[in-house]
Amino acid sequence: MRTLNPVKRHRERCRQARAQMSQYLDGELEPRAAGRIERHVRWCPDCRRMLANLRRTVTGLGALRDLPAPNGSQG
């Protein structure tokens, strides 16, 4: 059953968007689902900030992959 309370509806949309952010960044979502994420973060500052932080984290971790392994460690 859908709730009519706008605060609860917003929280539910945030929850759904946040659950799919990693998949969105990896390009694993269907276009319709990706569009929902994009529309949501356009007007939700909290989720927009969370997506930006996740994007920076993923980018930073990707950059680590390109670094040579320290001496004595297994790669």
PDB file of N, CA and C in Angstrom:
ATOM      1  N   MET A   1       0.841  -1.175   0.000  1.00  0.00           N
ATOM      2  CA  MET A   1       0.000   0.000   0.000  1.00  0.00           C
ATOM      3  C   MET A   1       0.891   1.245   0.000  1.00  0.00           C
ATOM      4  N   ARG A   2       0.568   2.180  -0.861  1.00  0.00           N
ATOM      5  CA  ARG A   2       1.351   3.411  -0.956  1.00  0.00           C
ATOM      6  C   ARG A   2       0.899   4.396   0.101  1.00  0.00           C
ATOM      7  N   THR A   3       1.860   5.040   0.673  1.00  0.00           N
ATOM      8  CA  THR A   3       1.550   6.018   1.705  1.00  0.00           C
ATOM      9  C   THR A   3       1.336   7.395   1.080  1.00  0.00           C
ATOM     10  N   LEU A   4       0.462   8.162   1.658  1.00  0.00           N
ATOM     11  CA  LEU A   4       0.196   9.499   1.159  1.00  0.00           C
ATOM     12  C   LEU A   4       1.024  10.542   1.898  1.00  0.00           C
ATOM     13  N   ASN A   5       1.646  10.145   2.993  1.00  0.00           N
ATOM     14  CA  ASN A   5       2.476  11.062   3.763  1.00  0.00           C
ATOM     15  C   ASN A   5       3.720  11.412   2.945  1.00  0.00           C
ATOM     16  N   PRO A   6       3.883  12.688   2.567  1.00  0.00           N
ATOM     17  CA  PRO A   6       5.011  13.047   1.703  1.00  0.00           C
ATOM     18  C   PRO A   6       6.378  12.797   2.330  1.00  0.00           C
ATOM     19  N   VAL A   7       6.497  12.923   3.629  1.00  0.00           N
ATOM     20  CA  VAL A   7       7.783  12.676   4.287  1.00  0.00           C
ATOM     21  C   VAL A   7       8.130  11.198   4.199  1.00  0.00           C
ATOM     22  N   LYS A   8       7.177  10.341   4.477  1.00  0.00           N
ATOM     23  CA  LYS A   8       7.422   8.898   4.395  1.00  0.00           C
ATOM     24  C   LYS A   8       7.704   8.487   2.952  1.00  0.00           C
ATOM     25  N   ARG A   9       6.991   9.071   2.010  1.00  0.00           N
ATOM     26  CA  ARG A   9       7.205   8.752   0.597  1.00  0.00           C
ATOM     27  C   ARG A   9       8.624   9.167   0.187  1.00  0.00           C
ATOM     28  N   HIS A  10       9.061  10.344   0.632  1.00  0.00           N
ATOM     29  CA  HIS A  10      10.410  10.811   0.315  1.00  0.00           C
ATOM     30  C   HIS A  10      11.456   9.869   0.921  1.00  0.00           C
ATOM     31  N   ARG A  11      11.268   9.492   2.163  1.00  0.00           N
ATOM     32  CA  ARG A  11      12.220   8.577   2.813  1.00  0.00           C
ATOM     33  C   ARG A  11      12.298   7.246   2.079  1.00  0.00           C
ATOM     34  N   GLU A  12      11.166   6.763   1.623  1.00  0.00           N
ATOM     35  CA  GLU A  12      11.139   5.499   0.883  1.00  0.00           C
ATOM     36  C   GLU A  12      11.882   5.643  -0.445  1.00  0.00           C
ATOM     37  N   ARG A  13      11.685   6.755  -1.118  1.00  0.00           N
ATOM     38  CA  ARG A  13      12.398   6.981  -2.380  1.00  0.00           C
ATOM     39  C   ARG A  13      13.897   7.095  -2.134  1.00  0.00           C
ATOM     40  N   CYS A  14      14.278   7.748  -1.044  1.00  0.00           N
ATOM     41  CA  CYS A  14      15.700   7.825  -0.686  1.00  0.00           C
ATOM     42  C   CYS A  14      16.256   6.436  -0.424  1.00  0.00           C
ATOM     43  N   ARG A  15      15.534   5.655   0.323  1.00  0.00           N
ATOM     44  CA  ARG A  15      15.980   4.294   0.636  1.00  0.00           C
ATOM     45  C   ARG A  15      16.173   3.494  -0.652  1.00  0.00           C
ATOM     46  N   GLN A  16      15.236   3.578  -1.553  1.00  0.00           N
ATOM     47  CA  GLN A  16      15.331   2.843  -2.818  1.00  0.00           C
ATOM     48  C   GLN A  16      16.507   3.339  -3.658  1.00  0.00           C
ATOM     49  N   ALA A  17      16.677   4.658  -3.729  1.00  0.00           N
ATOM     50  CA  ALA A  17      17.773   5.222  -4.521  1.00  0.00           C
ATOM     51  C   ALA A  17      19.124   4.802  -3.943  1.00  0.00           C
ATOM     52  N   ARG A  18      19.264   4.896  -2.644  1.00  0.00           N
ATOM     53  CA  ARG A  18      20.540   4.555  -2.006  1.00  0.00           C
ATOM     54  C   ARG A  18      20.881   3.086  -2.169  1.00  0.00           C
ATOM     55  N   ALA A  19      19.868   2.232  -2.173  1.00  0.00           N
ATOM     56  CA  ALA A  19      20.100   0.796  -2.337  1.00  0.00           C
ATOM     57  C   ALA A  19      20.638   0.463  -3.725  1.00  0.00           C
ATOM     58  N   GLN A  20      20.414   1.350  -4.698  1.00  0.00           N
ATOM     59  CA  GLN A  20      20.826   1.065  -6.070  1.00  0.00           C
ATOM     60  C   GLN A  20      21.988   1.933  -6.560  1.00  0.00           C
ATOM     61  N   MET A  21      22.548   2.757  -5.703  1.00  0.00           N
ATOM     62  CA  MET A  21      23.589   3.683  -6.149  1.00  0.00           C
ATOM     63  C   MET A  21      24.833   2.988  -6.678  1.00  0.00           C
ATOM     64  N   SER A  22      25.286   1.933  -6.042  1.00  0.00           N
ATOM     65  CA  SER A  22      26.473   1.220  -6.528  1.00  0.00           C
ATOM     66  C   SER A  22      26.212   0.619  -7.902  1.00  0.00           C
ATOM     67  N   GLN A  23      25.056   0.020  -8.063  1.00  0.00           N
ATOM     68  CA  GLN A  23      24.692  -0.536  -9.364  1.00  0.00           C
ATOM     69  C   GLN A  23      24.597   0.559 -10.419  1.00  0.00           C
ATOM     70  N   TYR A  24      24.076   1.715 -10.023  1.00  0.00           N
ATOM     71  CA  TYR A  24      23.974   2.844 -10.942  1.00  0.00           C
ATOM     72  C   TYR A  24      25.359   3.265 -11.420  1.00  0.00           C
ATOM     73  N   LEU A  25      26.289   3.433 -10.482  1.00  0.00           N
ATOM     74  CA  LEU A  25      27.641   3.849 -10.846  1.00  0.00           C
ATOM     75  C   LEU A  25      28.361   2.806 -11.697  1.00  0.00           C
ATOM     76  N   ASP A  26      28.041   1.542 -11.494  1.00  0.00           N
ATOM     77  CA  ASP A  26      28.658   0.470 -12.272  1.00  0.00           C
ATOM     78  C   ASP A  26      27.976   0.260 -13.623  1.00  0.00           C
ATOM     79  N   GLY A  27      26.904   1.011 -13.888  1.00  0.00           N
ATOM     80  CA  GLY A  27      26.187   0.879 -15.157  1.00  0.00           C
ATOM     81  C   GLY A  27      25.381  -0.398 -15.258  1.00  0.00           C
ATOM     82  N   GLU A  28      24.972  -0.945 -14.121  1.00  0.00           N
ATOM     83  CA  GLU A  28      24.272  -2.224 -14.098  1.00  0.00           C
ATOM     84  C   GLU A  28      22.749  -2.099 -14.063  1.00  0.00           C
ATOM     85  N   LEU A  29      22.231  -0.878 -13.994  1.00  0.00           N
ATOM     86  CA  LEU A  29      20.776  -0.699 -13.920  1.00  0.00           C
ATOM     87  C   LEU A  29      20.169  -0.562 -15.309  1.00  0.00           C
ATOM     88  N   GLU A  30      18.941  -1.005 -15.407  1.00  0.00           N
ATOM     89  CA  GLU A  30      18.178  -0.779 -16.635  1.00  0.00           C
ATOM     90  C   GLU A  30      18.011   0.730 -16.805  1.00  0.00           C
ATOM     91  N   PRO A  31      17.843   1.211 -18.015  1.00  0.00           N
ATOM     92  CA  PRO A  31      17.700   2.655 -18.237  1.00  0.00           C
ATOM     93  C   PRO A  31      16.584   3.303 -17.414  1.00  0.00           C
ATOM     94  N   ARG A  32      15.488   2.633 -17.256  1.00  0.00           N
ATOM     95  CA  ARG A  32      14.383   3.204 -16.483  1.00  0.00           C
ATOM     96  C   ARG A  32      14.764   3.392 -15.017  1.00  0.00           C
ATOM     97  N   ALA A  33      15.419   2.384 -14.436  1.00  0.00           N
ATOM     98  CA  ALA A  33      15.846   2.468 -13.039  1.00  0.00           C
ATOM     99  C   ALA A  33      16.937   3.527 -12.877  1.00  0.00           C
ATOM    100  N   ALA A  34      17.844   3.611 -13.844  1.00  0.00           N
ATOM    101  CA  ALA A  34      18.899   4.637 -13.790  1.00  0.00           C
ATOM    102  C   ALA A  34      18.276   6.026 -13.860  1.00  0.00           C
ATOM    103  N   GLY A  35      17.249   6.173 -14.676  1.00  0.00           N
ATOM    104  CA  GLY A  35      16.551   7.446 -14.777  1.00  0.00           C
ATOM    105  C   GLY A  35      15.901   7.856 -13.472  1.00  0.00           C
ATOM    106  N   ARG A  36      15.373   6.881 -12.745  1.00  0.00           N
ATOM    107  CA  ARG A  36      14.765   7.185 -11.439  1.00  0.00           C
ATOM    108  C   ARG A  36      15.826   7.711 -10.471  1.00  0.00           C
ATOM    109  N   ILE A  37      17.002   7.099 -10.483  1.00  0.00           N
ATOM    110  CA  ILE A  37      18.098   7.567  -9.623  1.00  0.00           C
ATOM    111  C   ILE A  37      18.467   9.001 -10.010  1.00  0.00           C
ATOM    112  N   GLU A  38      18.634   9.241 -11.293  1.00  0.00           N
ATOM    113  CA  GLU A  38      19.037  10.571 -11.762  1.00  0.00           C
ATOM    114  C   GLU A  38      18.006  11.635 -11.394  1.00  0.00           C
ATOM    115  N   ARG A  39      16.737  11.316 -11.572  1.00  0.00           N
ATOM    116  CA  ARG A  39      15.683  12.272 -11.201  1.00  0.00           C
ATOM    117  C   ARG A  39      15.674  12.527  -9.703  1.00  0.00           C
ATOM    118  N   HIS A  40      15.842  11.477  -8.920  1.00  0.00           N
ATOM    119  CA  HIS A  40      15.802  11.623  -7.469  1.00  0.00           C
ATOM    120  C   HIS A  40      16.957  12.499  -6.969  1.00  0.00           C
ATOM    121  N   VAL A  41      18.170  12.213  -7.423  1.00  0.00           N
ATOM    122  CA  VAL A  41      19.310  12.981  -6.916  1.00  0.00           C
ATOM    123  C   VAL A  41      19.298  14.419  -7.430  1.00  0.00           C
ATOM    124  N   ARG A  42      18.554  14.676  -8.486  1.00  0.00           N
ATOM    125  CA  ARG A  42      18.442  16.048  -8.988  1.00  0.00           C
ATOM    126  C   ARG A  42      17.780  16.955  -7.956  1.00  0.00           C
ATOM    127  N   TRP A  43      16.816  16.427  -7.198  1.00  0.00           N
ATOM    128  CA  TRP A  43      16.093  17.271  -6.235  1.00  0.00           C
ATOM    129  C   TRP A  43      16.325  16.888  -4.784  1.00  0.00           C
ATOM    130  N   CYS A  44      17.063  15.823  -4.515  1.00  0.00           N
ATOM    131  CA  CYS A  44      17.310  15.415  -3.127  1.00  0.00           C
ATOM    132  C   CYS A  44      18.780  15.684  -2.771  1.00  0.00           C
ATOM    133  N   PRO A  45      19.046  16.737  -1.998  1.00  0.00           N
ATOM    134  CA  PRO A  45      20.446  17.079  -1.700  1.00  0.00           C
ATOM    135  C   PRO A  45      21.180  16.003  -0.906  1.00  0.00           C
ATOM    136  N   ASP A  46      20.494  15.299  -0.021  1.00  0.00           N
ATOM    137  CA  ASP A  46      21.161  14.254   0.769  1.00  0.00           C
ATOM    138  C   ASP A  46      21.618  13.106  -0.124  1.00  0.00           C
ATOM    139  N   CYS A  47      20.748  12.665  -1.004  1.00  0.00           N
ATOM    140  CA  CYS A  47      21.116  11.556  -1.897  1.00  0.00           C
ATOM    141  C   CYS A  47      22.122  12.007  -2.950  1.00  0.00           C
ATOM    142  N   ARG A  48      22.028  13.252  -3.395  1.00  0.00           N
ATOM    143  CA  ARG A  48      23.004  13.793  -4.347  1.00  0.00           C
ATOM    144  C   ARG A  48      24.393  13.787  -3.711  1.00  0.00           C
ATOM    145  N   ARG A  49      24.465  14.204  -2.452  1.00  0.00           N
ATOM    146  CA  ARG A  49      25.741  14.213  -1.723  1.00  0.00           C
ATOM    147  C   ARG A  49      26.249  12.776  -1.536  1.00  0.00           C
ATOM    148  N   MET A  50      25.356  11.860  -1.195  1.00  0.00           N
ATOM    149  CA  MET A  50      25.762  10.471  -0.998  1.00  0.00           C
ATOM    150  C   MET A  50      26.290   9.863  -2.306  1.00  0.00           C
ATOM    151  N   LEU A  51      25.612  10.165  -3.412  1.00  0.00           N
ATOM    152  CA  LEU A  51      26.071   9.642  -4.700  1.00  0.00           C
ATOM    153  C   LEU A  51      27.427  10.232  -5.066  1.00  0.00           C
ATOM    154  N   ALA A  52      27.623  11.514  -4.826  1.00  0.00           N
ATOM    155  CA  ALA A  52      28.913  12.147  -5.114  1.00  0.00           C
ATOM    156  C   ALA A  52      30.020  11.530  -4.262  1.00  0.00           C
ATOM    157  N   ASN A  53      29.749  11.280  -2.991  1.00  0.00           N
ATOM    158  CA  ASN A  53      30.746  10.650  -2.113  1.00  0.00           C
ATOM    159  C   ASN A  53      31.063   9.239  -2.573  1.00  0.00           C
ATOM    160  N   LEU A  54      30.047   8.494  -2.940  1.00  0.00           N
ATOM    161  CA  LEU A  54      30.256   7.129  -3.422  1.00  0.00           C
ATOM    162  C   LEU A  54      31.052   7.145  -4.723  1.00  0.00           C
ATOM    163  N   ARG A  55      30.742   8.088  -5.598  1.00  0.00           N
ATOM    164  CA  ARG A  55      31.475   8.208  -6.866  1.00  0.00           C
ATOM    165  C   ARG A  55      32.957   8.504  -6.594  1.00  0.00           C
ATOM    166  N   ARG A  56      33.230   9.415  -5.661  1.00  0.00           N
ATOM    167  CA  ARG A  56      34.626   9.728  -5.318  1.00  0.00           C
ATOM    168  C   ARG A  56      35.331   8.504  -4.728  1.00  0.00           C
ATOM    169  N   THR A  57      34.643   7.764  -3.886  1.00  0.00           N
ATOM    170  CA  THR A  57      35.228   6.564  -3.286  1.00  0.00           C
ATOM    171  C   THR A  57      35.565   5.531  -4.345  1.00  0.00           C
ATOM    172  N   VAL A  58      34.638   5.289  -5.246  1.00  0.00           N
ATOM    173  CA  VAL A  58      34.856   4.304  -6.310  1.00  0.00           C
ATOM    174  C   VAL A  58      36.011   4.743  -7.200  1.00  0.00           C
ATOM    175  N   THR A  59      36.056   6.024  -7.531  1.00  0.00           N
ATOM    176  CA  THR A  59      37.139   6.552  -8.368  1.00  0.00           C
ATOM    177  C   THR A  59      38.482   6.404  -7.654  1.00  0.00           C
ATOM    178  N   GLY A  60      38.512   6.730  -6.371  1.00  0.00           N
ATOM    179  CA  GLY A  60      39.750   6.605  -5.598  1.00  0.00           C
ATOM    180  C   GLY A  60      40.223   5.173  -5.495  1.00  0.00           C
ATOM    181  N   LEU A  61      39.301   4.262  -5.273  1.00  0.00           N
ATOM    182  CA  LEU A  61      39.679   2.848  -5.196  1.00  0.00           C
ATOM    183  C   LEU A  61      40.160   2.339  -6.547  1.00  0.00           C
ATOM    184  N   GLY A  62      39.545   2.831  -7.608  1.00  0.00           N
ATOM    185  CA  GLY A  62      39.994   2.447  -8.945  1.00  0.00           C
ATOM    186  C   GLY A  62      41.412   2.922  -9.217  1.00  0.00           C
ATOM    187  N   ALA A  63      41.747   4.102  -8.716  1.00  0.00           N
ATOM    188  CA  ALA A  63      43.094   4.637  -8.904  1.00  0.00           C
ATOM    189  C   ALA A  63      44.121   3.793  -8.161  1.00  0.00           C
ATOM    190  N   LEU A  64      43.744   3.232  -7.027  1.00  0.00           N
ATOM    191  CA  LEU A  64      44.670   2.379  -6.261  1.00  0.00           C
ATOM    192  C   LEU A  64      45.048   1.135  -7.051  1.00  0.00           C
ATOM    193  N   ARG A  65      44.135   0.674  -7.865  1.00  0.00           N
ATOM    194  CA  ARG A  65      44.381  -0.532  -8.652  1.00  0.00           C
ATOM    195  C   ARG A  65      45.561  -0.321  -9.610  1.00  0.00           C
ATOM    196  N   ASP A  66      45.763   0.909 -10.041  1.00  0.00           N
ATOM    197  CA  ASP A  66      46.828   1.217 -11.002  1.00  0.00           C
ATOM    198  C   ASP A  66      48.190   1.424 -10.352  1.00  0.00           C
ATOM    199  N   LEU A  67      48.242   1.507  -9.030  1.00  0.00           N
ATOM    200  CA  LEU A  67      49.515   1.713  -8.330  1.00  0.00           C
ATOM    201  C   LEU A  67      50.270   0.390  -8.221  1.00  0.00           C
ATOM    202  N   PRO A  68      51.585   0.453  -8.289  1.00  0.00           N
ATOM    203  CA  PRO A  68      52.367  -0.781  -8.098  1.00  0.00           C
ATOM    204  C   PRO A  68      52.250  -1.233  -6.632  1.00  0.00           C
ATOM    205  N   ALA A  69      52.308  -2.524  -6.448  1.00  0.00           N
ATOM    206  CA  ALA A  69      52.250  -3.079  -5.092  1.00  0.00           C
ATOM    207  C   ALA A  69      53.538  -2.749  -4.359  1.00  0.00           C
ATOM    208  N   PRO A  70      53.457  -2.486  -3.061  1.00  0.00           N
ATOM    209  CA  PRO A  70      54.685  -2.227  -2.270  1.00  0.00           C
ATOM    210  C   PRO A  70      55.572  -3.463  -2.275  1.00  0.00           C
ATOM    211  N   ASN A  71      56.882  -3.256  -2.068  1.00  0.00           N
ATOM    212  CA  ASN A  71      57.827  -4.385  -2.008  1.00  0.00           C
ATOM    213  C   ASN A  71      57.418  -5.347  -0.909  1.00  0.00           C
ATOM    214  N   GLY A  72      57.526  -6.621  -1.226  1.00  0.00           N
ATOM    215  CA  GLY A  72      57.254  -7.647  -0.223  1.00  0.00           C
ATOM    216  C   GLY A  72      55.782  -8.025  -0.089  1.00  0.00           C
ATOM    217  N   SER A  73      54.921  -7.384  -0.836  1.00  0.00           N
ATOM    218  CA  SER A  73      53.513  -7.752  -0.747  1.00  0.00           C
ATOM    219  C   SER A  73      53.119  -8.528  -1.996  1.00  0.00           C
ATOM    220  N   GLN A  74      52.083  -9.282  -1.844  1.00  0.00           N
ATOM    221  CA  GLN A  74      51.578 -10.067  -2.973  1.00  0.00           C
ATOM    222  C   GLN A  74      50.565  -9.236  -3.739  1.00  0.00           C
ATOM    223  N   GLY A  75      50.566  -9.296  -5.057  1.00  0.00           N
ATOM    224  CA  GLY A  75      49.675  -8.496  -5.870  1.00  0.00           C
ATOM    225  C   GLY A  75      48.717  -9.303  -6.551  1.00  0.00           C
TER     226      GLY A  75
END
